[in-house]
Protein backbone atom coordinates (compact mmCIF):
# COMPACT_ATOMS: atom_id res chain seq x y z
CA UNK A 1 93.81 92.13 102.23
CA UNK A 2 96.82 94.06 100.93
CA UNK A 3 96.51 95.47 97.41
CA UNK A 4 99.26 95.12 94.83
CA UNK A 5 99.86 97.26 91.77
CA UNK A 6 100.17 95.67 88.34
CA UNK A 7 101.97 97.75 85.74
CA UNK A 8 102.45 101.48 85.75
CA UNK A 9 98.95 102.65 84.80
CA UNK A 10 97.25 102.16 88.17
CA UNK A 11 95.68 98.69 88.14
CA UNK A 12 95.48 97.44 91.73
CA UNK A 13 94.38 93.93 92.73
CA UNK A 14 94.24 91.87 95.90
CA UNK A 15 97.60 90.31 96.85
CA UNK A 16 96.05 86.86 96.35
CA UNK A 17 93.52 86.22 93.62
CA UNK A 18 91.15 83.36 92.86
CA UNK A 19 91.54 81.20 89.78
CA UNK A 20 88.14 79.96 88.65
CA UNK A 21 89.20 77.46 85.96
CA UNK A 22 88.70 74.31 88.01
CA UNK A 23 85.07 75.22 88.72
CA UNK A 24 84.19 74.44 85.10
CA UNK A 25 87.19 72.95 83.35
CA UNK A 26 90.30 70.74 83.34
CA UNK A 27 90.09 69.12 86.78
CA UNK A 28 87.66 66.35 87.66
CA UNK A 29 84.58 65.38 85.66
CA UNK A 30 81.39 67.38 85.01
CA UNK A 31 79.38 65.34 87.52
CA UNK A 32 81.92 66.20 90.25
CA UNK A 33 81.36 69.94 89.86
CA UNK A 34 79.07 71.69 92.30
CA UNK A 35 77.89 75.10 91.10
CA UNK A 36 76.39 76.05 94.44
CA UNK A 37 79.66 75.41 96.24
CA UNK A 38 81.56 77.27 93.53
CA UNK A 39 79.30 80.31 93.94
CA UNK A 40 79.68 80.14 97.72
CA UNK A 41 83.45 80.08 97.19
CA UNK A 42 83.34 83.18 94.97
CA UNK A 43 81.15 85.00 97.48
CA UNK A 44 83.44 84.08 100.37
CA UNK A 45 86.47 85.16 98.37
CA UNK A 46 85.04 88.65 97.94
CA UNK A 47 84.06 88.80 101.61
CA UNK A 48 87.67 88.01 102.59
CA UNK A 49 89.07 90.71 100.31
CA UNK A 50 90.33 88.25 97.71
CA UNK A 51 88.69 90.23 94.92
CA UNK A 52 90.90 89.52 91.89
CA UNK A 53 88.95 86.89 89.94
CA UNK A 54 90.43 85.07 86.95
CA UNK A 55 88.42 83.36 84.21
CA UNK A 56 88.63 82.79 80.42
CA UNK A 57 86.41 82.01 77.47
CA UNK A 58 88.30 78.71 77.09
CA UNK A 59 87.24 77.42 80.51
CA UNK A 60 84.28 75.27 79.70
CA UNK A 61 84.45 76.70 77.11
CA UNK A 62 82.33 79.74 78.00
CA UNK A 63 80.68 78.18 81.07
CA UNK A 64 83.18 79.62 83.53
CA UNK A 65 82.47 83.20 82.54
CA UNK A 66 78.73 82.51 82.84
CA UNK A 67 79.27 81.01 86.29
CA UNK A 68 81.15 84.09 87.45
CA UNK A 69 78.34 86.33 86.21
CA UNK A 70 75.73 84.33 88.12
CA UNK A 71 77.84 84.48 91.27
CA UNK A 72 78.30 88.24 91.12
CA UNK A 73 74.64 88.90 90.36
CA UNK A 74 73.68 87.21 93.62
CA UNK A 75 76.28 89.14 95.65
CA UNK A 76 75.24 92.68 96.65
CA UNK A 77 77.35 95.13 94.68
CA UNK A 78 79.26 92.17 93.32
CA UNK A 79 80.53 93.49 90.02
CA UNK A 80 81.85 96.72 91.50
CA UNK A 81 83.64 94.89 94.32
CA UNK A 82 85.91 92.80 92.09
CA UNK A 83 88.63 93.07 89.49
CA UNK A 84 87.61 90.75 86.69
CA UNK A 85 90.19 89.19 84.36
CA UNK A 86 89.43 87.09 81.31
CA UNK A 87 91.24 85.82 78.22
CA UNK A 88 90.77 85.29 74.49
CA UNK A 89 92.90 83.58 71.87
CA UNK A 90 91.57 80.15 70.97
CA UNK A 91 89.16 78.78 68.40
CA UNK A 92 86.93 75.85 69.28
CA UNK A 93 85.50 72.90 67.36
CA UNK A 94 81.85 71.84 67.33
CA UNK A 95 82.37 69.88 70.57
CA UNK A 96 83.91 72.83 72.40
CA UNK A 97 87.46 71.48 72.28
CA UNK A 98 90.33 73.84 71.57
CA UNK A 99 91.12 73.59 67.85
CA UNK A 100 94.00 76.06 67.69
CA UNK A 101 94.92 79.65 68.42
CA UNK A 102 93.28 82.66 66.78
CA UNK A 103 94.25 86.25 67.56
CA UNK A 104 93.16 87.89 64.35
CA UNK A 105 91.85 91.39 65.20
CA UNK A 106 88.33 90.58 63.99
CA UNK A 107 88.28 87.47 66.16
CA UNK A 108 89.56 89.41 69.19
CA UNK A 109 86.63 91.79 68.94
CA UNK A 110 84.17 88.92 68.51
CA UNK A 111 85.64 87.08 71.49
CA UNK A 112 85.57 90.13 73.76
CA UNK A 113 81.99 90.96 72.84
CA UNK A 114 81.11 87.37 73.74
CA UNK A 115 82.91 87.64 77.08
CA UNK A 116 81.17 90.90 77.93
CA UNK A 117 77.82 89.29 77.17
CA UNK A 118 78.53 86.16 79.22
CA UNK A 119 79.99 88.13 82.12
CA UNK A 120 76.99 90.52 82.02
CA UNK A 121 79.23 93.54 82.36
CA UNK A 122 80.16 96.63 80.37
CA UNK A 123 83.92 96.33 80.93
CA UNK A 124 86.67 93.80 81.46
CA UNK A 125 89.22 94.97 84.00
CA UNK A 126 92.15 92.93 82.66
CA UNK A 127 92.12 91.29 79.23
CA UNK A 128 94.78 88.73 78.34
CA UNK A 129 95.81 87.11 75.10
CA UNK A 130 95.61 83.51 76.33
CA UNK A 131 98.34 82.12 74.07
CA UNK A 132 100.55 83.84 71.52
CA UNK A 133 99.36 83.34 67.93
CA UNK A 134 102.44 82.96 65.69
CA UNK A 135 100.34 83.77 62.61
CA UNK A 136 99.44 87.29 63.80
CA UNK A 137 102.09 89.91 64.67
CA UNK A 138 101.82 90.87 68.29
CA UNK A 139 101.62 94.53 67.28
CA UNK A 140 98.35 93.81 65.47
CA UNK A 141 97.04 91.84 68.44
CA UNK A 142 97.83 94.54 70.98
CA UNK A 143 96.60 97.22 68.59
CA UNK A 144 93.20 95.52 68.50
CA UNK A 145 93.20 95.16 72.29
CA UNK A 146 94.17 98.82 72.71
CA UNK A 147 91.20 99.86 70.56
CA UNK A 148 88.95 98.15 73.08
CA UNK A 149 90.63 100.14 75.87
CA UNK A 150 89.89 103.38 74.04
CA UNK A 151 86.26 102.30 73.69
CA UNK A 152 85.97 101.68 77.44
CA UNK A 153 85.27 97.94 77.05
CA UNK A 154 88.64 96.94 78.55
CA UNK A 155 90.66 98.73 81.24
CA UNK A 156 94.09 97.04 81.18
CA UNK A 157 95.95 94.59 78.94
CA UNK A 158 97.82 91.39 79.70
CA UNK A 159 99.61 88.48 78.04
CA UNK A 160 99.75 84.82 79.04
CA UNK A 161 102.73 82.50 78.61
CA UNK A 162 104.46 85.00 76.30
CA UNK A 163 108.21 85.04 75.72
CA UNK A 164 110.73 87.84 76.08
CA UNK A 165 110.64 89.15 72.50
CA UNK A 166 106.84 89.11 72.38
CA UNK A 167 106.57 90.96 75.70
CA UNK A 168 108.94 93.71 74.54
CA UNK A 169 107.11 94.22 71.24
CA UNK A 170 103.69 94.16 72.89
CA UNK A 171 104.66 96.66 75.57
CA UNK A 172 106.09 99.01 72.94
CA UNK A 173 102.67 99.01 71.22
CA UNK A 174 100.57 99.64 74.34
CA UNK A 175 101.47 99.32 78.05
CA UNK A 176 101.04 95.77 79.33
CA UNK A 177 99.90 95.58 82.95
CA UNK A 178 100.57 91.91 83.63
CA UNK A 179 101.97 88.66 82.35
CA UNK A 180 100.19 85.53 83.49
CA UNK A 181 102.38 82.44 83.59
CA UNK A 182 103.08 79.41 85.71
CA UNK A 183 105.37 80.27 88.58
CA UNK A 184 105.75 78.58 91.94
CA UNK A 185 108.20 76.83 94.21
CA UNK A 186 107.52 73.97 91.84
CA UNK A 187 108.12 75.76 88.53
CA UNK A 188 110.86 78.40 88.30
CA UNK A 189 111.39 78.77 84.54
CA UNK A 190 110.63 82.53 84.68
CA UNK A 191 113.50 83.45 86.98
CA UNK A 192 116.47 83.70 84.57
CA UNK A 193 115.00 86.03 81.94
CA UNK A 194 111.27 86.75 82.20
CA UNK A 195 111.02 88.17 85.73
CA UNK A 196 113.97 90.57 85.23
CA UNK A 197 112.35 91.75 81.99
CA UNK A 198 108.99 92.32 83.67
CA UNK A 199 110.67 94.43 86.34
CA UNK A 200 112.60 96.39 83.73
CA UNK A 201 109.35 97.24 81.93
CA UNK A 202 107.15 97.67 85.02
CA UNK A 203 104.87 94.70 84.30
CA UNK A 204 103.30 92.63 87.08
CA UNK A 205 103.37 88.82 87.22
CA UNK A 206 100.23 86.77 87.80
CA UNK A 207 101.34 83.33 88.95
CA UNK A 208 98.95 80.55 88.00
CA UNK A 209 99.32 76.99 89.34
CA UNK A 210 101.07 78.48 92.41
CA UNK A 211 100.59 75.22 94.32
CA UNK A 212 102.36 73.08 91.74
CA UNK A 213 99.09 71.71 90.34
CA UNK A 214 98.43 70.08 93.68
CA UNK A 215 101.83 68.58 94.47
CA UNK A 216 102.56 71.21 97.10
CA UNK A 217 99.39 70.32 98.97
CA UNK A 218 100.04 66.57 98.96
CA UNK A 219 96.49 66.03 97.69
CA UNK A 220 97.51 64.27 94.48
CA UNK A 221 97.31 60.83 92.90
CA UNK A 222 99.15 59.14 90.07
CA UNK A 223 98.13 60.17 86.56
CA UNK A 224 96.31 56.92 85.81
CA UNK A 225 94.07 57.33 88.84
CA UNK A 226 92.43 60.45 87.39
CA UNK A 227 89.45 60.09 85.02
CA UNK A 228 89.59 60.70 81.29
CA UNK A 229 89.35 64.41 80.58
CA UNK A 230 91.19 65.43 83.76
CA UNK A 231 94.24 67.55 82.92
CA UNK A 232 96.41 65.68 85.42
CA UNK A 233 96.02 62.38 83.57
CA UNK A 234 98.29 63.73 80.83
CA UNK A 235 100.62 65.77 83.05
CA UNK A 236 104.18 64.34 82.80
CA UNK A 237 104.92 65.25 86.40
CA UNK A 238 102.16 62.93 87.61
CA UNK A 239 103.45 59.94 85.67
CA UNK A 240 105.65 56.99 86.67
CA UNK A 241 109.01 57.71 88.27
CA UNK A 242 108.40 61.45 87.91
CA UNK A 243 105.51 61.19 90.36
CA UNK A 244 107.64 59.41 92.98
CA UNK A 245 110.51 61.90 92.69
CA UNK A 246 108.18 64.88 92.90
CA UNK A 247 106.37 63.59 95.95
CA UNK A 248 109.74 63.23 97.72
CA UNK A 249 110.70 66.79 96.76
CA UNK A 250 107.42 68.19 98.07
CA UNK A 251 108.02 66.47 101.41
CA UNK A 252 110.63 69.06 102.37
CA UNK A 253 108.04 71.83 102.16
CA UNK A 254 105.73 69.84 104.41
CA UNK A 255 108.47 69.72 107.04
CA UNK A 256 108.86 73.51 107.06
CA UNK A 257 105.09 73.99 107.16
CA UNK A 258 104.90 71.81 110.24
CA UNK A 259 107.52 73.89 112.01
CA UNK A 260 105.72 77.13 111.09
CA UNK A 261 102.27 75.93 112.12
CA UNK A 262 101.02 76.55 108.58
CA UNK A 263 99.80 74.37 105.76
CA UNK A 264 101.98 73.49 102.79
CA UNK A 265 99.71 75.56 100.54
CA UNK A 266 100.19 78.58 102.79
CA UNK A 267 103.97 78.19 102.71
CA UNK A 268 103.96 77.93 98.91
CA UNK A 269 101.80 81.03 98.54
CA UNK A 270 103.75 82.97 101.16
CA UNK A 271 106.96 82.18 99.24
CA UNK A 272 105.44 83.81 96.16
CA UNK A 273 104.25 86.86 98.10
CA UNK A 274 107.74 87.30 99.53
CA UNK A 275 109.30 87.14 96.05
CA UNK A 276 108.17 90.70 95.38
CA UNK A 277 105.25 93.14 95.55
CA UNK A 278 104.73 92.81 91.79
CA UNK A 279 103.79 89.11 92.01
CA UNK A 280 100.19 87.98 92.60
CA UNK A 281 99.34 84.27 92.89
CA UNK A 282 95.91 83.06 91.77
CA UNK A 283 95.40 79.66 93.40
CA UNK A 284 92.38 77.86 92.06
CA UNK A 285 89.81 76.13 94.21
CA UNK A 286 86.12 75.33 94.17
CA UNK A 287 85.73 74.86 97.94
CA UNK A 288 85.28 77.48 100.67
CA UNK A 289 87.50 75.64 103.14
CA UNK A 290 90.44 75.54 100.72
CA UNK A 291 89.90 79.18 99.79
CA UNK A 292 90.08 80.26 103.44
CA UNK A 293 93.29 78.27 103.85
CA UNK A 294 94.82 79.96 100.80
CA UNK A 295 93.86 83.45 101.93
CA UNK A 296 95.52 82.73 105.27
CA UNK A 297 98.87 82.68 103.46
CA UNK A 298 98.83 86.48 103.46
CA UNK A 299 99.56 86.35 107.20
CA UNK A 300 102.49 83.90 106.99
CA UNK A 301 105.91 85.52 107.40
CA UNK A 302 109.04 83.81 106.08
CA UNK A 303 112.56 84.78 107.10
CA UNK A 304 115.35 85.27 104.59
CA UNK A 305 116.83 81.97 105.78
CA UNK A 306 113.54 80.17 105.25
CA UNK A 307 113.22 81.65 101.76
CA UNK A 308 116.72 80.44 100.88
CA UNK A 309 115.95 76.99 102.27
CA UNK A 310 112.80 76.74 100.15
CA UNK A 311 114.68 77.89 97.06
CA UNK A 312 117.18 75.10 97.65
CA UNK A 313 114.91 72.17 98.53
CA UNK A 314 112.82 72.71 95.41
CA UNK A 315 115.54 73.89 93.05
CA UNK A 316 114.57 73.33 89.40
CA UNK A 317 116.85 70.32 88.95
CA UNK A 318 114.99 68.49 91.73
CA UNK A 319 111.65 68.51 89.89
CA UNK A 320 111.12 65.58 87.53
CA UNK A 321 109.41 65.91 84.17
CA UNK A 322 108.35 68.83 81.94
CA UNK A 323 105.46 71.02 83.10
CA UNK A 324 103.30 70.26 80.05
CA UNK A 325 102.83 67.46 77.56
CA UNK A 326 104.43 68.25 74.15
CA UNK A 327 101.20 69.45 72.48
CA UNK A 328 100.56 71.99 75.24
CA UNK A 329 104.19 73.00 75.55
CA UNK A 330 104.17 73.88 71.85
CA UNK A 331 101.70 76.69 72.66
CA UNK A 332 104.08 78.35 75.13
CA UNK A 333 105.99 81.22 73.51
CA UNK A 334 109.45 80.30 74.81
């Protein structure tokens, strides 16, 4: 698979990555998760050249990093064949639920040492601040992260869901390789200000939820049909009239996919790949079949006319509902 460069310091990753969150967190219930299938999916991802693997201490919490370590230990040469990204930035209550943000320098070091231990590795390839902590100046946060780079425990630095001012201040403290944020045909909030800023500064974009949290695959149900604890149950875009409007909007992508002989997921990922060589989508899946479908997007070619048509049929005003519930949206630095 093609490699793409993130930032100006030499970090290269596969053009499509694999988001591991759903293997341990957010989607479905614990009894629906199949560790053996998840490990097979990680192994197959590496075999196909999809070697950019994304996890976080918050996924589980902690279990997702441990799962990745087990998968790589059973894959010959596994650790050295992948680019491993993880994130810090939350504190957790006694039940493992997120209890707020915490990017104090002492906590950063504690969190990274924990991630290194769980991942069974001596270095993290790309370390993100998971959410901006308004109580800690970003210069102090990035300063603490940069110290870990100097010690060889971290190779490159990233931010997640950060706003324009934060990105500028962070990058002035130490080069930032990548911003991770939601970006897809379905969610275009980065286009007016954030993407131009990233290109001005030479920062790559890691697009999570590149399939519109499932809407662009058509494999979705109404919010109330998901079990308690599933992220989608509280997602405004899955609720009521929003759900109906969004399903109609997604139908236009299905029509183009049919004409191209591709799946809707492949069209959505190909659209992102065509948006620029500094954008890397990380679709999440826990099944080999879905992974192979996603990787196939790297071979889909879209014409300029098809790109314009996709931009139009899923223009921002055609998507109903905010992308997060208010409590989660409050953690986004914009």
